[in-house]
Amino acid sequence: MPPADLGWHIWNTSGYSQVSRLMSAATQLISVTTAREYKSALSFVHEFSVMDDIAYHLQYLEFCYVIKSLHKPSLTTLNLLNKTIIVGLASIAEAILDDGLRSLLVRTAKNERNKFCGPLQIKHYATLGDLILQAKEYDLIDEVVSKKLEQLHKWRNTIHFKRSQKGRPKEYDAYPEQLLQNAQENFEQLIAHMSARYALLATISIDRKFSYPWEKAKLNVCLLDDGKNRKTVKKEVCVLKSPA
């Protein structure tokens, strides 16, 4: 049976190849930086599975930035896309803090007598706010980074719109470009801090050159504009379905 939205006449007279061409015309290939390249700059993350997840989320954020640049969405869609990116940045920050805290060895009342240290126990339901407080308490981050993350946490919590609040802007106006810029800068502060203090010495030069998704996206858009140079950067390909 032919796809319902394409119609039997096209299927019957032109064959499957015609349908394939129509389907291809409604798609666009968008390349993103490989997860391996992102992971090469995350040596301060201890748990490999966490490193993988962070790299995949960085890929997704890069994809969002490319969409913004290529498709110039309407103001409402743009604001909600900014919202998605801010939530993603906060989630990555949360994962980095959780991983860093779990890597710490501390002396607890249970093992004080034997003078052995054990891994710091983090509550499973700890929020980003909880992790920021603990990270500051155990000197994983300093006062400057702590304040930046508290701001990011506050902006992430604005995702809740279950009830109307006096003075709260509407969703289509709640996540302007300036707010996204501020979130990016705060995220950069965390990455710079963690790279400088906790990156492996063998890769510290790479970590100091950490490329953020918004920087990668600019390069991707340039490559899409100039197909001749598109093969000069290692990429993984995603398929974007264009709206009907």
Protein backbone atom coordinates (compact mmCIF):
# COMPACT_ATOMS: atom_id res chain seq x y z
CA MET A 1 0.00 0.00 0.00
CA PRO A 2 1.27 3.51 -0.75
CA PRO A 3 1.87 6.07 2.00
CA ALA A 4 -1.54 7.63 2.68
CA ASP A 5 -0.33 11.21 2.55
CA LEU A 6 1.26 10.83 -0.90
CA GLY A 7 -1.82 9.55 -2.71
CA TRP A 8 -2.43 6.45 -4.81
CA HIS A 9 -2.09 8.28 -8.15
CA ILE A 10 1.59 9.12 -7.57
CA TRP A 11 2.34 5.60 -6.37
CA ASN A 12 0.49 3.90 -9.20
CA THR A 13 1.80 5.95 -12.14
CA SER A 14 5.36 6.80 -11.16
CA GLY A 15 6.45 3.92 -8.98
CA TYR A 16 8.35 3.76 -5.73
CA SER A 17 11.33 5.76 -7.04
CA GLN A 18 9.09 8.81 -7.49
CA VAL A 19 7.88 8.49 -3.91
CA SER A 20 11.48 8.15 -2.70
CA ARG A 21 12.46 11.37 -4.43
CA LEU A 22 9.54 13.20 -2.84
CA MET A 23 10.45 11.84 0.58
CA SER A 24 14.10 12.85 0.11
CA ALA A 25 13.09 16.37 -0.87
CA ALA A 26 11.40 16.72 2.51
CA THR A 27 14.57 15.91 4.42
CA GLN A 28 17.84 17.68 5.05
CA LEU A 29 21.06 16.17 6.30
CA ILE A 30 22.54 17.93 9.31
CA SER A 31 25.95 16.89 10.57
CA VAL A 32 27.13 17.17 14.17
CA THR A 33 30.47 16.71 15.87
CA THR A 34 31.27 13.13 16.82
CA ALA A 35 30.70 12.01 20.40
CA ARG A 36 34.34 10.88 20.50
CA GLU A 37 35.54 14.42 19.84
CA TYR A 38 33.37 15.79 22.62
CA LYS A 39 34.55 13.06 25.00
CA SER A 40 38.19 13.94 24.31
CA ALA A 41 37.56 17.20 26.18
CA LEU A 42 35.78 15.60 29.14
CA SER A 43 38.67 13.92 30.94
CA PHE A 44 37.55 15.50 34.23
CA VAL A 45 34.50 13.18 34.19
CA HIS A 46 35.26 9.93 36.01
CA GLU A 47 32.40 7.60 35.08
CA PHE A 48 32.59 6.50 31.43
CA SER A 49 28.83 6.07 31.10
CA VAL A 50 28.30 9.62 32.37
CA MET A 51 30.91 10.88 29.92
CA ASP A 52 29.05 9.14 27.10
CA ASP A 53 25.73 10.68 28.09
CA ILE A 54 27.23 14.17 28.37
CA ALA A 55 28.79 13.83 24.91
CA TYR A 56 25.46 12.74 23.41
CA HIS A 57 23.67 15.68 25.01
CA LEU A 58 26.32 18.06 23.66
CA GLN A 59 25.67 16.60 20.21
CA TYR A 60 21.95 17.21 20.65
CA LEU A 61 22.50 20.81 21.77
CA GLU A 62 24.72 21.39 18.74
CA PHE A 63 21.88 20.06 16.59
CA CYS A 64 19.49 22.56 18.21
CA TYR A 65 21.86 25.44 17.47
CA VAL A 66 22.16 24.38 13.83
CA ILE A 67 18.35 24.29 13.56
CA LYS A 68 18.21 27.83 14.94
CA SER A 69 20.72 29.09 12.40
CA LEU A 70 19.35 27.32 9.34
CA HIS A 71 15.61 27.58 9.81
CA LYS A 72 15.21 30.95 11.55
CA PRO A 73 12.18 29.82 13.58
CA SER A 74 9.40 32.18 14.62
CA LEU A 75 9.77 34.09 17.88
CA THR A 76 7.66 31.65 19.86
CA THR A 77 9.45 28.57 18.52
CA LEU A 78 12.82 30.26 18.99
CA ASN A 79 12.09 31.02 22.64
CA LEU A 80 11.02 27.45 23.33
CA LEU A 81 14.10 26.13 21.54
CA ASN A 82 16.20 28.36 23.80
CA LYS A 83 14.32 26.83 26.73
CA THR A 84 15.30 23.33 25.55
CA ILE A 85 18.96 24.35 25.32
CA ILE A 86 18.99 25.96 28.79
CA VAL A 87 17.46 22.82 30.30
CA GLY A 88 20.10 20.74 28.50
CA LEU A 89 22.98 22.87 29.81
CA ALA A 90 21.64 22.61 33.36
CA SER A 91 21.25 18.84 33.03
CA ILE A 92 24.87 18.48 31.90
CA ALA A 93 26.04 20.68 34.78
CA GLU A 94 24.04 18.47 37.15
CA ALA A 95 25.71 15.33 35.76
CA ILE A 96 29.19 16.87 36.05
CA LEU A 97 28.66 17.84 39.70
CA ASP A 98 27.14 14.49 40.61
CA ASP A 99 30.05 12.63 38.99
CA GLY A 100 32.63 14.89 40.65
CA LEU A 101 31.10 14.51 44.11
CA ARG A 102 30.83 10.72 43.81
CA SER A 103 34.53 10.55 42.98
CA LEU A 104 35.50 12.15 46.31
CA LEU A 105 36.80 9.99 49.15
CA VAL A 106 35.67 11.16 52.58
CA ARG A 107 35.96 9.93 56.17
CA THR A 108 32.57 9.17 57.67
CA ALA A 109 31.45 8.38 61.21
CA LYS A 110 31.08 4.74 60.19
CA ASN A 111 34.73 4.29 59.25
CA GLU A 112 36.30 6.96 61.49
CA ARG A 113 37.79 4.37 63.87
CA ASN A 114 39.65 2.51 61.12
CA LYS A 115 40.68 5.77 59.47
CA PHE A 116 39.59 4.55 56.08
CA CYS A 117 37.98 6.79 53.51
CA GLY A 118 34.99 5.86 51.42
CA PRO A 119 33.20 7.45 48.47
CA LEU A 120 30.93 10.37 49.24
CA GLN A 121 27.32 9.24 49.30
CA ILE A 122 24.95 11.35 47.21
CA LYS A 123 21.20 11.06 47.59
CA HIS A 124 19.59 9.56 44.51
CA TYR A 125 16.97 12.32 44.40
CA ALA A 126 19.46 15.19 44.93
CA THR A 127 18.51 18.26 42.90
CA LEU A 128 20.89 20.56 41.07
CA GLY A 129 20.52 22.97 44.00
CA ASP A 130 21.55 20.23 46.45
CA LEU A 131 24.55 19.29 44.29
CA ILE A 132 25.71 22.91 44.08
CA LEU A 133 25.64 23.24 47.89
CA GLN A 134 27.57 19.99 48.36
CA ALA A 135 30.06 20.81 45.64
CA LYS A 136 30.78 24.11 47.36
CA GLU A 137 31.00 22.45 50.79
CA TYR A 138 33.57 19.91 49.58
CA ASP A 139 35.50 22.50 47.56
CA LEU A 140 34.70 20.88 44.22
CA ILE A 141 33.77 24.35 42.94
CA ASP A 142 34.55 27.84 44.17
CA GLU A 143 32.26 30.73 45.10
CA VAL A 144 32.27 32.23 41.60
CA VAL A 145 31.25 29.00 39.87
CA SER A 146 28.71 28.30 42.62
CA LYS A 147 26.90 31.59 41.96
CA LYS A 148 26.93 30.99 38.21
CA LEU A 149 25.39 27.55 38.67
CA GLU A 150 22.77 28.89 41.06
CA GLN A 151 21.67 31.26 38.30
CA LEU A 152 21.56 28.40 35.79
CA HIS A 153 19.52 26.37 38.28
CA LYS A 154 17.07 29.26 38.68
CA TRP A 155 16.62 29.63 34.93
CA ARG A 156 16.15 25.89 34.50
CA ASN A 157 13.36 25.93 37.10
CA THR A 158 11.37 28.41 35.02
CA ILE A 159 10.33 25.46 32.81
CA HIS A 160 7.33 24.93 35.11
CA PHE A 161 4.30 26.74 33.72
CA LYS A 162 1.55 24.65 35.33
CA ARG A 163 -0.08 27.75 36.81
CA SER A 164 -0.13 31.42 35.96
CA GLN A 165 2.16 33.48 38.16
CA LYS A 166 1.93 37.23 38.55
CA GLY A 167 4.73 38.97 36.72
CA ARG A 168 5.88 35.84 34.92
CA PRO A 169 6.38 36.39 31.16
CA LYS A 170 4.52 34.20 28.72
CA GLU A 171 6.33 31.19 27.28
CA TYR A 172 6.85 32.91 23.94
CA ASP A 173 8.78 35.70 25.68
CA ALA A 174 10.38 33.93 28.65
CA TYR A 175 13.61 32.69 27.01
CA PRO A 176 15.15 35.54 24.95
CA GLU A 177 18.56 35.30 23.30
CA GLN A 178 20.20 37.29 26.10
CA LEU A 179 19.08 34.72 28.67
CA LEU A 180 20.57 31.95 26.53
CA GLN A 181 23.81 33.91 26.22
CA ASN A 182 23.98 34.22 30.02
CA ALA A 183 23.34 30.49 30.44
CA GLN A 184 26.12 29.71 27.97
CA GLU A 185 28.58 31.95 29.83
CA ASN A 186 27.72 30.32 33.16
CA PHE A 187 28.15 26.86 31.65
CA GLU A 188 31.53 27.90 30.25
CA GLN A 189 32.61 28.93 33.76
CA LEU A 190 31.90 25.41 35.04
CA ILE A 191 33.73 23.69 32.18
CA ALA A 192 36.76 25.99 32.49
CA HIS A 193 36.92 25.39 36.25
CA MET A 194 36.60 21.61 36.03
CA SER A 195 39.08 21.39 33.16
CA ALA A 196 41.69 23.50 34.93
CA ARG A 197 41.45 21.62 38.25
CA TYR A 198 40.52 18.04 37.40
CA ALA A 199 41.47 17.25 33.79
CA LEU A 200 44.01 14.50 33.21
CA LEU A 201 47.46 15.98 32.53
CA ALA A 202 47.75 14.05 29.26
CA THR A 203 44.72 15.82 27.81
CA ILE A 204 44.74 19.15 29.62
CA SER A 205 45.73 21.01 26.45
CA ILE A 206 42.63 19.58 24.74
CA ASP A 207 40.39 20.47 27.67
CA ARG A 208 41.52 24.08 27.60
CA LYS A 209 40.35 24.21 23.98
CA PHE A 210 36.92 22.81 24.77
CA SER A 211 34.61 23.57 21.85
CA TYR A 212 31.07 24.33 22.90
CA PRO A 213 27.99 23.27 20.90
CA TRP A 214 27.22 26.86 19.84
CA GLU A 215 30.77 27.18 18.43
CA LYS A 216 30.52 23.84 16.63
CA ALA A 217 27.13 24.80 15.19
CA LYS A 218 28.57 27.95 13.58
CA LEU A 219 31.20 25.82 11.85
CA ASN A 220 28.55 23.34 10.71
CA VAL A 221 26.40 26.08 9.19
CA CYS A 222 29.43 27.43 7.31
CA LEU A 223 30.15 23.95 5.96
CA LEU A 224 26.56 23.53 4.86
CA ASP A 225 26.81 26.84 3.00
CA ASP A 226 30.02 25.72 1.33
CA GLY A 227 29.65 22.08 0.34
CA LYS A 228 33.19 21.93 -1.03
CA ASN A 229 34.67 22.05 2.47
CA ARG A 230 32.06 19.81 4.09
CA LYS A 231 34.36 16.77 4.26
CA THR A 232 37.12 18.52 6.18
CA VAL A 233 35.59 17.85 9.63
CA LYS A 234 34.62 14.50 11.15
CA LYS A 235 30.85 14.42 11.56
CA GLU A 236 27.96 12.19 12.42
CA VAL A 237 24.84 12.67 10.32
CA CYS A 238 21.33 13.27 11.59
CA VAL A 239 18.25 13.45 9.38
CA LEU A 240 15.85 16.31 9.95
CA LYS A 241 12.31 15.98 8.65
CA SER A 242 11.18 19.31 7.24
CA PRO A 243 7.63 20.39 8.06
CA ALA A 244 5.03 19.56 5.42
